[in-house]
């Protein structure tokens, strides 16, 4: 049965759900664009000792309409499942240039956040999956305020159509373990650790 909670309560719910589990633990934070996934993932770090966040956007590229799932599997998922650290180079959303390598250690909570982070084609052995449910008008307001013109064009041509297709095909909200629901999540610019309204 799917549970629902507020953004303020979500970190504690996740902490309790993972209590007593050991080894690499997988937490998927999914939702449509600008629903607060990155903000929530950052808050999970405060309640999950040793946790790391892997951003789906780090596997994006100008020539790919969504993100490079195969690279995530090869560089993060497969090594960790084999008992080895993951290692990847985050890509710049606009240029596609790769940054400095990021290592993902074995045996810690791994929070994967982003649009379609819990895509069933990945084959991640999730311990817990979350879906962030935020009204479309609020999400689009955040996108228009937050992103530069180059990215706004990507929203129109690639990302909005692709995320709608993902929801229609996989219905991720229906298979999530936890739905995080609020009319307005804390702003992305809110100071870390600030209480939710």
C-alpha atoms as a PDB file:
ATOM      1  CA  UNK A   1       0.000   0.000   0.000  1.00  0.00           C
ATOM      2  CA  UNK A   2       1.388   3.396  -1.000  1.00  0.00           C
ATOM      3  CA  UNK A   3       1.934   5.794   1.877  1.00  0.00           C
ATOM      4  CA  UNK A   4       1.745   9.577   1.647  1.00  0.00           C
ATOM      5  CA  UNK A   5       3.609  12.124   3.710  1.00  0.00           C
ATOM      6  CA  UNK A   6       4.553  15.776   3.731  1.00  0.00           C
ATOM      7  CA  UNK A   7       7.937  17.186   2.697  1.00  0.00           C
ATOM      8  CA  UNK A   8       8.676  18.050   6.324  1.00  0.00           C
ATOM      9  CA  UNK A   9       8.076  14.474   7.477  1.00  0.00           C
ATOM     10  CA  UNK A  10       9.642  12.644   4.530  1.00  0.00           C
ATOM     11  CA  UNK A  11      13.274  12.518   5.785  1.00  0.00           C
ATOM     12  CA  UNK A  12      12.251  10.946   9.089  1.00  0.00           C
ATOM     13  CA  UNK A  13       9.982   8.444   7.327  1.00  0.00           C
ATOM     14  CA  UNK A  14      12.885   7.422   5.084  1.00  0.00           C
ATOM     15  CA  UNK A  15      15.279   7.147   8.031  1.00  0.00           C
ATOM     16  CA  UNK A  16      12.854   4.881   9.890  1.00  0.00           C
ATOM     17  CA  UNK A  17      12.260   2.718   6.817  1.00  0.00           C
ATOM     18  CA  UNK A  18      15.993   2.072   6.408  1.00  0.00           C
ATOM     19  CA  UNK A  19      16.711   1.542  10.112  1.00  0.00           C
ATOM     20  CA  UNK A  20      18.498  -1.735  10.731  1.00  0.00           C
ATOM     21  CA  UNK A  21      19.398  -2.318   7.081  1.00  0.00           C
ATOM     22  CA  UNK A  22      23.043  -2.670   6.138  1.00  0.00           C
ATOM     23  CA  UNK A  23      25.120  -2.683   2.986  1.00  0.00           C
ATOM     24  CA  UNK A  24      24.388  -0.484   0.003  1.00  0.00           C
ATOM     25  CA  UNK A  25      20.857   0.845   0.369  1.00  0.00           C
ATOM     26  CA  UNK A  26      19.076   2.362  -2.616  1.00  0.00           C
ATOM     27  CA  UNK A  27      16.634   5.252  -2.290  1.00  0.00           C
ATOM     28  CA  UNK A  28      14.965   6.636  -5.415  1.00  0.00           C
ATOM     29  CA  UNK A  29      13.613  10.195  -5.365  1.00  0.00           C
ATOM     30  CA  UNK A  30      11.465  10.617  -8.460  1.00  0.00           C
ATOM     31  CA  UNK A  31       9.028  13.241  -9.682  1.00  0.00           C
ATOM     32  CA  UNK A  32       8.422  15.654 -12.512  1.00  0.00           C
ATOM     33  CA  UNK A  33      10.664  18.613 -13.236  1.00  0.00           C
ATOM     34  CA  UNK A  34      11.059  21.213 -10.454  1.00  0.00           C
ATOM     35  CA  UNK A  35       9.094  19.195  -7.901  1.00  0.00           C
ATOM     36  CA  UNK A  36      11.796  19.580  -5.234  1.00  0.00           C
ATOM     37  CA  UNK A  37      13.694  16.319  -5.711  1.00  0.00           C
ATOM     38  CA  UNK A  38      17.161  17.826  -5.268  1.00  0.00           C
ATOM     39  CA  UNK A  39      16.055  19.715  -2.160  1.00  0.00           C
ATOM     40  CA  UNK A  40      14.593  16.595  -0.575  1.00  0.00           C
ATOM     41  CA  UNK A  41      17.640  14.502  -1.502  1.00  0.00           C
ATOM     42  CA  UNK A  42      19.871  17.033   0.265  1.00  0.00           C
ATOM     43  CA  UNK A  43      17.722  16.765   3.375  1.00  0.00           C
ATOM     44  CA  UNK A  44      17.992  12.989   3.332  1.00  0.00           C
ATOM     45  CA  UNK A  45      21.770  13.343   3.706  1.00  0.00           C
ATOM     46  CA  UNK A  46      21.166  14.877   7.137  1.00  0.00           C
ATOM     47  CA  UNK A  47      19.314  11.799   8.426  1.00  0.00           C
ATOM     48  CA  UNK A  48      21.179   8.998   6.612  1.00  0.00           C
ATOM     49  CA  UNK A  49      24.782   8.802   7.890  1.00  0.00           C
ATOM     50  CA  UNK A  50      27.318   8.327   5.110  1.00  0.00           C
ATOM     51  CA  UNK A  51      24.739   8.728   2.357  1.00  0.00           C
ATOM     52  CA  UNK A  52      25.620  10.028  -1.096  1.00  0.00           C
ATOM     53  CA  UNK A  53      23.358  11.587  -3.717  1.00  0.00           C
ATOM     54  CA  UNK A  54      23.580  10.696  -7.393  1.00  0.00           C
ATOM     55  CA  UNK A  55      21.818  13.241  -9.608  1.00  0.00           C
ATOM     56  CA  UNK A  56      20.142  12.042 -12.795  1.00  0.00           C
ATOM     57  CA  UNK A  57      21.058  15.421 -14.335  1.00  0.00           C
ATOM     58  CA  UNK A  58      24.732  14.439 -14.052  1.00  0.00           C
ATOM     59  CA  UNK A  59      24.027  11.856 -16.767  1.00  0.00           C
ATOM     60  CA  UNK A  60      22.276  14.261 -19.142  1.00  0.00           C
ATOM     61  CA  UNK A  61      23.749  15.452 -22.428  1.00  0.00           C
ATOM     62  CA  UNK A  62      22.692  17.954 -25.115  1.00  0.00           C
ATOM     63  CA  UNK A  63      22.214  15.179 -27.682  1.00  0.00           C
ATOM     64  CA  UNK A  64      20.104  12.958 -25.368  1.00  0.00           C
ATOM     65  CA  UNK A  65      16.423  13.883 -24.807  1.00  0.00           C
ATOM     66  CA  UNK A  66      16.331  12.400 -21.295  1.00  0.00           C
ATOM     67  CA  UNK A  67      19.462  11.022 -19.599  1.00  0.00           C
ATOM     68  CA  UNK A  68      22.123   8.394 -20.215  1.00  0.00           C
ATOM     69  CA  UNK A  69      20.674   5.446 -18.312  1.00  0.00           C
ATOM     70  CA  UNK A  70      23.238   3.050 -19.753  1.00  0.00           C
ATOM     71  CA  UNK A  71      26.088   5.149 -18.373  1.00  0.00           C
ATOM     72  CA  UNK A  72      24.476   5.231 -14.931  1.00  0.00           C
ATOM     73  CA  UNK A  73      24.121   1.456 -14.966  1.00  0.00           C
ATOM     74  CA  UNK A  74      27.694   0.881 -16.158  1.00  0.00           C
ATOM     75  CA  UNK A  75      29.388   3.427 -13.912  1.00  0.00           C
ATOM     76  CA  UNK A  76      27.287   3.385 -10.737  1.00  0.00           C
ATOM     77  CA  UNK A  77      24.800   0.536 -10.484  1.00  0.00           C
ATOM     78  CA  UNK A  78      26.831  -2.380 -11.842  1.00  0.00           C
ATOM     79  CA  UNK A  79      30.009  -1.696  -9.825  1.00  0.00           C
ATOM     80  CA  UNK A  80      28.109  -1.226  -6.559  1.00  0.00           C
ATOM     81  CA  UNK A  81      26.117  -4.419  -7.065  1.00  0.00           C
ATOM     82  CA  UNK A  82      29.420  -6.202  -7.652  1.00  0.00           C
ATOM     83  CA  UNK A  83      30.846  -4.834  -4.390  1.00  0.00           C
ATOM     84  CA  UNK A  84      33.051  -2.183  -5.997  1.00  0.00           C
ATOM     85  CA  UNK A  85      32.784   1.627  -5.745  1.00  0.00           C
ATOM     86  CA  UNK A  86      30.966   3.447  -8.509  1.00  0.00           C
ATOM     87  CA  UNK A  87      32.751   6.223 -10.353  1.00  0.00           C
ATOM     88  CA  UNK A  88      31.337   8.696 -12.853  1.00  0.00           C
ATOM     89  CA  UNK A  89      31.982  12.146 -14.301  1.00  0.00           C
ATOM     90  CA  UNK A  90      29.007  14.531 -14.070  1.00  0.00           C
ATOM     91  CA  UNK A  91      27.980  16.181 -17.318  1.00  0.00           C
ATOM     92  CA  UNK A  92      27.158  19.855 -17.775  1.00  0.00           C
ATOM     93  CA  UNK A  93      23.482  20.199 -18.774  1.00  0.00           C
ATOM     94  CA  UNK A  94      24.183  22.868 -21.381  1.00  0.00           C
ATOM     95  CA  UNK A  95      27.529  21.889 -22.911  1.00  0.00           C
ATOM     96  CA  UNK A  96      27.736  18.181 -22.089  1.00  0.00           C
ATOM     97  CA  UNK A  97      31.308  18.653 -20.847  1.00  0.00           C
ATOM     98  CA  UNK A  98      32.320  16.111 -18.219  1.00  0.00           C
ATOM     99  CA  UNK A  99      33.499  17.277 -14.805  1.00  0.00           C
ATOM    100  CA  UNK A 100      35.841  15.756 -12.264  1.00  0.00           C
ATOM    101  CA  UNK A 101      35.222  12.114 -11.287  1.00  0.00           C
ATOM    102  CA  UNK A 102      32.809  11.398  -8.439  1.00  0.00           C
ATOM    103  CA  UNK A 103      33.168   8.205  -6.410  1.00  0.00           C
ATOM    104  CA  UNK A 104      30.201   6.389  -4.892  1.00  0.00           C
ATOM    105  CA  UNK A 105      31.341   4.095  -2.062  1.00  0.00           C
ATOM    106  CA  UNK A 106      30.023   0.634  -1.306  1.00  0.00           C
ATOM    107  CA  UNK A 107      27.904  -0.013   1.767  1.00  0.00           C
ATOM    108  CA  UNK A 108      26.216   3.372   2.218  1.00  0.00           C
ATOM    109  CA  UNK A 109      22.762   4.750   1.388  1.00  0.00           C
ATOM    110  CA  UNK A 110      22.714   5.838  -2.262  1.00  0.00           C
ATOM    111  CA  UNK A 111      20.034   8.416  -3.034  1.00  0.00           C
ATOM    112  CA  UNK A 112      19.313   8.622  -6.765  1.00  0.00           C
ATOM    113  CA  UNK A 113      17.290  11.735  -7.584  1.00  0.00           C
ATOM    114  CA  UNK A 114      15.857  13.141 -10.762  1.00  0.00           C
ATOM    115  CA  UNK A 115      13.066  12.828 -13.304  1.00  0.00           C
ATOM    116  CA  UNK A 116      12.613   9.095 -14.030  1.00  0.00           C
ATOM    117  CA  UNK A 117      15.166   8.154 -11.361  1.00  0.00           C
ATOM    118  CA  UNK A 118      13.124   5.034 -10.582  1.00  0.00           C
ATOM    119  CA  UNK A 119      12.715   3.984 -14.228  1.00  0.00           C
ATOM    120  CA  UNK A 120      12.004   0.241 -14.171  1.00  0.00           C
ATOM    121  CA  UNK A 121      14.488  -0.326 -17.019  1.00  0.00           C
ATOM    122  CA  UNK A 122      17.404   0.485 -14.707  1.00  0.00           C
ATOM    123  CA  UNK A 123      17.040  -2.660 -12.607  1.00  0.00           C
ATOM    124  CA  UNK A 124      18.003  -0.952  -9.338  1.00  0.00           C
ATOM    125  CA  UNK A 125      17.233  -3.091  -6.244  1.00  0.00           C
ATOM    126  CA  UNK A 126      15.409  -0.264  -4.499  1.00  0.00           C
ATOM    127  CA  UNK A 127      15.022  -0.287  -0.740  1.00  0.00           C
ATOM    128  CA  UNK A 128      12.630   2.647  -0.952  1.00  0.00           C
ATOM    129  CA  UNK A 129      11.178   4.790  -3.722  1.00  0.00           C
ATOM    130  CA  UNK A 130       9.582   8.226  -3.383  1.00  0.00           C
ATOM    131  CA  UNK A 131       7.419  10.213  -5.766  1.00  0.00           C
ATOM    132  CA  UNK A 132       7.123  13.993  -5.288  1.00  0.00           C
ATOM    133  CA  UNK A 133       3.684  15.269  -6.201  1.00  0.00           C
ATOM    134  CA  UNK A 134       3.601  19.036  -6.869  1.00  0.00           C
ATOM    135  CA  UNK A 135       1.000  20.899  -8.950  1.00  0.00           C
ATOM    136  CA  UNK A 136       1.993  21.594 -12.556  1.00  0.00           C
ATOM    137  CA  UNK A 137       1.513  25.355 -12.266  1.00  0.00           C
ATOM    138  CA  UNK A 138       3.965  25.550  -9.378  1.00  0.00           C
ATOM    139  CA  UNK A 139       6.533  23.342 -11.111  1.00  0.00           C
ATOM    140  CA  UNK A 140       6.429  25.401 -14.300  1.00  0.00           C
ATOM    141  CA  UNK A 141       6.723  28.637 -12.317  1.00  0.00           C
ATOM    142  CA  UNK A 142       9.907  27.306 -10.717  1.00  0.00           C
ATOM    143  CA  UNK A 143      11.356  26.244 -14.055  1.00  0.00           C
ATOM    144  CA  UNK A 144      10.706  29.638 -15.653  1.00  0.00           C
ATOM    145  CA  UNK A 145      12.247  31.454 -12.700  1.00  0.00           C
ATOM    146  CA  UNK A 146      15.215  29.127 -12.214  1.00  0.00           C
ATOM    147  CA  UNK A 147      16.531  28.054 -15.594  1.00  0.00           C
ATOM    148  CA  UNK A 148      18.374  30.043 -18.306  1.00  0.00           C
ATOM    149  CA  UNK A 149      16.957  30.390 -21.847  1.00  0.00           C
ATOM    150  CA  UNK A 150      19.065  27.527 -23.227  1.00  0.00           C
ATOM    151  CA  UNK A 151      17.509  25.130 -20.764  1.00  0.00           C
ATOM    152  CA  UNK A 152      13.988  26.513 -21.220  1.00  0.00           C
ATOM    153  CA  UNK A 153      14.159  25.466 -24.856  1.00  0.00           C
ATOM    154  CA  UNK A 154      15.165  21.948 -23.753  1.00  0.00           C
ATOM    155  CA  UNK A 155      12.131  21.850 -21.476  1.00  0.00           C
ATOM    156  CA  UNK A 156       9.857  22.660 -24.398  1.00  0.00           C
ATOM    157  CA  UNK A 157      11.415  20.332 -26.957  1.00  0.00           C
ATOM    158  CA  UNK A 158      12.654  17.424 -24.847  1.00  0.00           C
ATOM    159  CA  UNK A 159      12.084  17.311 -21.113  1.00  0.00           C
ATOM    160  CA  UNK A 160       8.379  18.166 -20.724  1.00  0.00           C
ATOM    161  CA  UNK A 161       7.326  15.769 -23.520  1.00  0.00           C
ATOM    162  CA  UNK A 162       9.665  13.038 -22.248  1.00  0.00           C
ATOM    163  CA  UNK A 163       8.537  13.231 -18.621  1.00  0.00           C
ATOM    164  CA  UNK A 164       4.898  13.104 -19.713  1.00  0.00           C
ATOM    165  CA  UNK A 165       5.665   9.997 -21.778  1.00  0.00           C
ATOM    166  CA  UNK A 166       7.455   8.423 -18.792  1.00  0.00           C
ATOM    167  CA  UNK A 167       4.473   8.984 -16.486  1.00  0.00           C
ATOM    168  CA  UNK A 168       2.034   7.622 -19.062  1.00  0.00           C
ATOM    169  CA  UNK A 169       4.119   4.507 -19.716  1.00  0.00           C
ATOM    170  CA  UNK A 170       5.258   3.606 -16.198  1.00  0.00           C
ATOM    171  CA  UNK A 171       2.890   5.349 -13.737  1.00  0.00           C
ATOM    172  CA  UNK A 172       5.708   5.869 -11.217  1.00  0.00           C
ATOM    173  CA  UNK A 173       3.463   7.482  -8.586  1.00  0.00           C
ATOM    174  CA  UNK A 174       1.439   4.268  -8.395  1.00  0.00           C
ATOM    175  CA  UNK A 175       4.462   2.049  -7.731  1.00  0.00           C
ATOM    176  CA  UNK A 176       6.273   4.383  -5.329  1.00  0.00           C
ATOM    177  CA  UNK A 177       6.608   3.284  -1.708  1.00  0.00           C
ATOM    178  CA  UNK A 178       6.045   6.829  -0.514  1.00  0.00           C
ATOM    179  CA  UNK A 179       4.309   9.816  -2.120  1.00  0.00           C
ATOM    180  CA  UNK A 180       5.502  13.204  -0.885  1.00  0.00           C
ATOM    181  CA  UNK A 181       2.645  15.603  -1.353  1.00  0.00           C
ATOM    182  CA  UNK A 182       2.283  19.299  -0.632  1.00  0.00           C
ATOM    183  CA  UNK A 183       0.963  22.240  -2.569  1.00  0.00           C
ATOM    184  CA  UNK A 184       4.286  24.066  -2.354  1.00  0.00           C
ATOM    185  CA  UNK A 185       7.552  22.385  -1.388  1.00  0.00           C
ATOM    186  CA  UNK A 186      10.270  24.518   0.236  1.00  0.00           C
ATOM    187  CA  UNK A 187      11.946  26.706  -2.340  1.00  0.00           C
ATOM    188  CA  UNK A 188      15.126  25.439  -3.902  1.00  0.00           C
ATOM    189  CA  UNK A 189      16.861  28.527  -2.554  1.00  0.00           C
ATOM    190  CA  UNK A 190      15.732  27.923   1.024  1.00  0.00           C
ATOM    191  CA  UNK A 191      18.650  27.575   3.467  1.00  0.00           C
ATOM    192  CA  UNK A 192      19.584  23.965   4.122  1.00  0.00           C
ATOM    193  CA  UNK A 193      17.915  22.606   7.215  1.00  0.00           C
ATOM    194  CA  UNK A 194      15.233  25.296   7.327  1.00  0.00           C
ATOM    195  CA  UNK A 195      11.839  23.991   8.484  1.00  0.00           C
ATOM    196  CA  UNK A 196       9.186  23.307   5.903  1.00  0.00           C
ATOM    197  CA  UNK A 197       6.109  25.563   6.021  1.00  0.00           C
END
